[in-house]
C-alpha cells in the first residue's frame, strides 16, 4: 500500500498546485483592474467637473451690454461738435 499512498499524495499535490496556479493568475490580474478602476473614477470626476463648468458658463449672464461701442458714439459726437464751434 505504500505505492498507492504515494500516488495519491502526488495526485493531491498536483490538485493543490493547480489551485495555487489559478490563484496566482487571479492575483496577477488584480493590479491591472485596480488601475483601471482608479482611471475610471478619475474620468468620472473629470466628466462631472466638465459638465458643472459648462452649466456654470451657460447660467452666468454675459455682460456684453456694458461694452458696446454704441455707448461711445455719443461721446465722440460731442467732441466733433466742440471742434466745429471752435473753428467758427
C-alpha atoms as a PDB file:
ATOM      1  CA  UNK A   1       0.000   0.000   0.000  1.00  0.00           C
ATOM      2  CA  UNK A   2       2.954   2.311   0.171  1.00  0.00           C
ATOM      3  CA  UNK A   3       2.962   2.812  -3.619  1.00  0.00           C
ATOM      4  CA  UNK A   4      -0.740   3.615  -3.780  1.00  0.00           C
ATOM      5  CA  UNK A   5      -0.466   6.149  -0.975  1.00  0.00           C
ATOM      6  CA  UNK A   6       2.459   7.855  -2.754  1.00  0.00           C
ATOM      7  CA  UNK A   7       0.424   8.037  -5.985  1.00  0.00           C
ATOM      8  CA  UNK A   8      -2.493   9.522  -4.047  1.00  0.00           C
ATOM      9  CA  UNK A   9      -0.162  12.098  -2.493  1.00  0.00           C
ATOM     10  CA  UNK A  10       1.149  13.046  -5.943  1.00  0.00           C
ATOM     11  CA  UNK A  11      -2.389  13.430  -7.288  1.00  0.00           C
ATOM     12  CA  UNK A  12      -3.325  15.546  -4.264  1.00  0.00           C
ATOM     13  CA  UNK A  13      -0.188  17.703  -4.717  1.00  0.00           C
ATOM     14  CA  UNK A  14      -0.995  18.242  -8.395  1.00  0.00           C
ATOM     15  CA  UNK A  15      -4.510  19.376  -7.469  1.00  0.00           C
ATOM     16  CA  UNK A  16      -3.122  21.749  -4.864  1.00  0.00           C
ATOM     17  CA  UNK A  17      -0.629  23.137  -7.410  1.00  0.00           C
ATOM     18  CA  UNK A  18      -3.431  23.714  -9.929  1.00  0.00           C
ATOM     19  CA  UNK A  19      -5.435  25.635  -7.336  1.00  0.00           C
ATOM     20  CA  UNK A  20      -2.397  27.709  -6.378  1.00  0.00           C
ATOM     21  CA  UNK A  21      -1.661  28.453 -10.037  1.00  0.00           C
ATOM     22  CA  UNK A  22      -5.219  29.670 -10.519  1.00  0.00           C
ATOM     23  CA  UNK A  23      -4.901  31.949  -7.506  1.00  0.00           C
ATOM     24  CA  UNK A  24      -1.593  33.298  -8.793  1.00  0.00           C
ATOM     25  CA  UNK A  25      -3.184  34.049 -12.163  1.00  0.00           C
ATOM     26  CA  UNK A  26      -6.089  35.847 -10.478  1.00  0.00           C
ATOM     27  CA  UNK A  27      -3.721  37.853  -8.283  1.00  0.00           C
ATOM     28  CA  UNK A  28      -1.661  38.837 -11.312  1.00  0.00           C
ATOM     29  CA  UNK A  29      -4.775  40.425 -12.887  1.00  0.00           C
ATOM     30  CA  UNK A  30      -5.702  42.442  -9.802  1.00  0.00           C
ATOM     31  CA  UNK A  31      -3.196  45.326 -10.178  1.00  0.00           C
ATOM     32  CA  UNK A  32      -4.434  45.948 -13.717  1.00  0.00           C
ATOM     33  CA  UNK A  33      -8.047  46.035 -12.562  1.00  0.00           C
ATOM     34  CA  UNK A  34      -7.200  48.345  -9.681  1.00  0.00           C
ATOM     35  CA  UNK A  35      -5.514  50.777 -12.051  1.00  0.00           C
ATOM     36  CA  UNK A  36      -8.499  50.522 -14.388  1.00  0.00           C
ATOM     37  CA  UNK A  37     -10.919  51.374 -11.573  1.00  0.00           C
ATOM     38  CA  UNK A  38      -8.778  54.323 -10.480  1.00  0.00           C
ATOM     39  CA  UNK A  39      -8.673  55.699 -14.015  1.00  0.00           C
ATOM     40  CA  UNK A  40     -12.428  55.176 -14.369  1.00  0.00           C
ATOM     41  CA  UNK A  41     -13.041  57.115 -11.142  1.00  0.00           C
ATOM     42  CA  UNK A  42     -10.783  59.960 -12.299  1.00  0.00           C
ATOM     43  CA  UNK A  43     -12.593  60.035 -15.635  1.00  0.00           C
ATOM     44  CA  UNK A  44     -15.983  60.169 -13.933  1.00  0.00           C
ATOM     45  CA  UNK A  45     -14.891  63.040 -11.684  1.00  0.00           C
ATOM     46  CA  UNK A  46     -13.470  64.919 -14.685  1.00  0.00           C
ATOM     47  CA  UNK A  47     -16.709  64.417 -16.627  1.00  0.00           C
ATOM     48  CA  UNK A  48     -18.815  65.726 -13.739  1.00  0.00           C
ATOM     49  CA  UNK A  49     -16.493  68.709 -13.308  1.00  0.00           C
ATOM     50  CA  UNK A  50     -16.657  69.473 -17.034  1.00  0.00           C
ATOM     51  CA  UNK A  51     -20.437  69.335 -17.052  1.00  0.00           C
ATOM     52  CA  UNK A  52     -20.605  71.547 -13.961  1.00  0.00           C
ATOM     53  CA  UNK A  53     -18.308  74.081 -15.629  1.00  0.00           C
ATOM     54  CA  UNK A  54     -20.410  74.116 -18.797  1.00  0.00           C
ATOM     55  CA  UNK A  55     -23.609  74.597 -16.797  1.00  0.00           C
ATOM     56  CA  UNK A  56     -21.948  77.435 -14.871  1.00  0.00           C
ATOM     57  CA  UNK A  57     -20.851  79.128 -18.095  1.00  0.00           C
ATOM     58  CA  UNK A  58     -24.332  78.732 -19.566  1.00  0.00           C
ATOM     59  CA  UNK A  59     -26.118  80.075 -16.484  1.00  0.00           C
ATOM     60  CA  UNK A  60     -23.768  83.011 -15.860  1.00  0.00           C
ATOM     61  CA  UNK A  61     -25.008  86.130 -17.622  1.00  0.00           C
ATOM     62  CA  UNK A  62     -22.797  87.694 -20.222  1.00  0.00           C
ATOM     63  CA  UNK A  63     -22.074  91.352 -19.612  1.00  0.00           C
ATOM     64  CA  UNK A  64     -21.611  92.270 -23.246  1.00  0.00           C
ATOM     65  CA  UNK A  65     -24.062  95.163 -22.915  1.00  0.00           C
ATOM     66  CA  UNK A  66     -21.560  97.071 -20.816  1.00  0.00           C
ATOM     67  CA  UNK A  67     -19.005  97.188 -23.599  1.00  0.00           C
ATOM     68  CA  UNK A  68     -20.987  98.010 -26.709  1.00  0.00           C
ATOM     69  CA  UNK A  69     -19.439 100.612 -28.956  1.00  0.00           C
ATOM     70  CA  UNK A  70     -22.784 102.369 -29.308  1.00  0.00           C
ATOM     71  CA  UNK A  71     -22.292 103.970 -25.909  1.00  0.00           C
ATOM     72  CA  UNK A  72     -19.144 105.716 -27.053  1.00  0.00           C
ATOM     73  CA  UNK A  73     -20.568 107.093 -30.298  1.00  0.00           C
ATOM     74  CA  UNK A  74     -22.314 109.920 -28.462  1.00  0.00           C
ATOM     75  CA  UNK A  75     -19.094 110.743 -26.687  1.00  0.00           C
ATOM     76  CA  UNK A  76     -17.208 111.175 -29.968  1.00  0.00           C
ATOM     77  CA  UNK A  77     -20.028 113.272 -31.395  1.00  0.00           C
ATOM     78  CA  UNK A  78     -19.661 115.694 -28.509  1.00  0.00           C
ATOM     79  CA  UNK A  79     -16.017 116.298 -29.349  1.00  0.00           C
ATOM     80  CA  UNK A  80     -16.789 116.762 -33.016  1.00  0.00           C
ATOM     81  CA  UNK A  81     -19.403 119.361 -32.132  1.00  0.00           C
ATOM     82  CA  UNK A  82     -16.882 121.252 -29.992  1.00  0.00           C
ATOM     83  CA  UNK A  83     -14.295 121.230 -32.778  1.00  0.00           C
ATOM     84  CA  UNK A  84     -16.829 122.763 -35.135  1.00  0.00           C
ATOM     85  CA  UNK A  85     -17.698 125.531 -32.706  1.00  0.00           C
ATOM     86  CA  UNK A  86     -14.062 126.409 -32.109  1.00  0.00           C
ATOM     87  CA  UNK A  87     -13.352 126.788 -35.792  1.00  0.00           C
ATOM     88  CA  UNK A  88     -16.186 129.199 -36.385  1.00  0.00           C
END
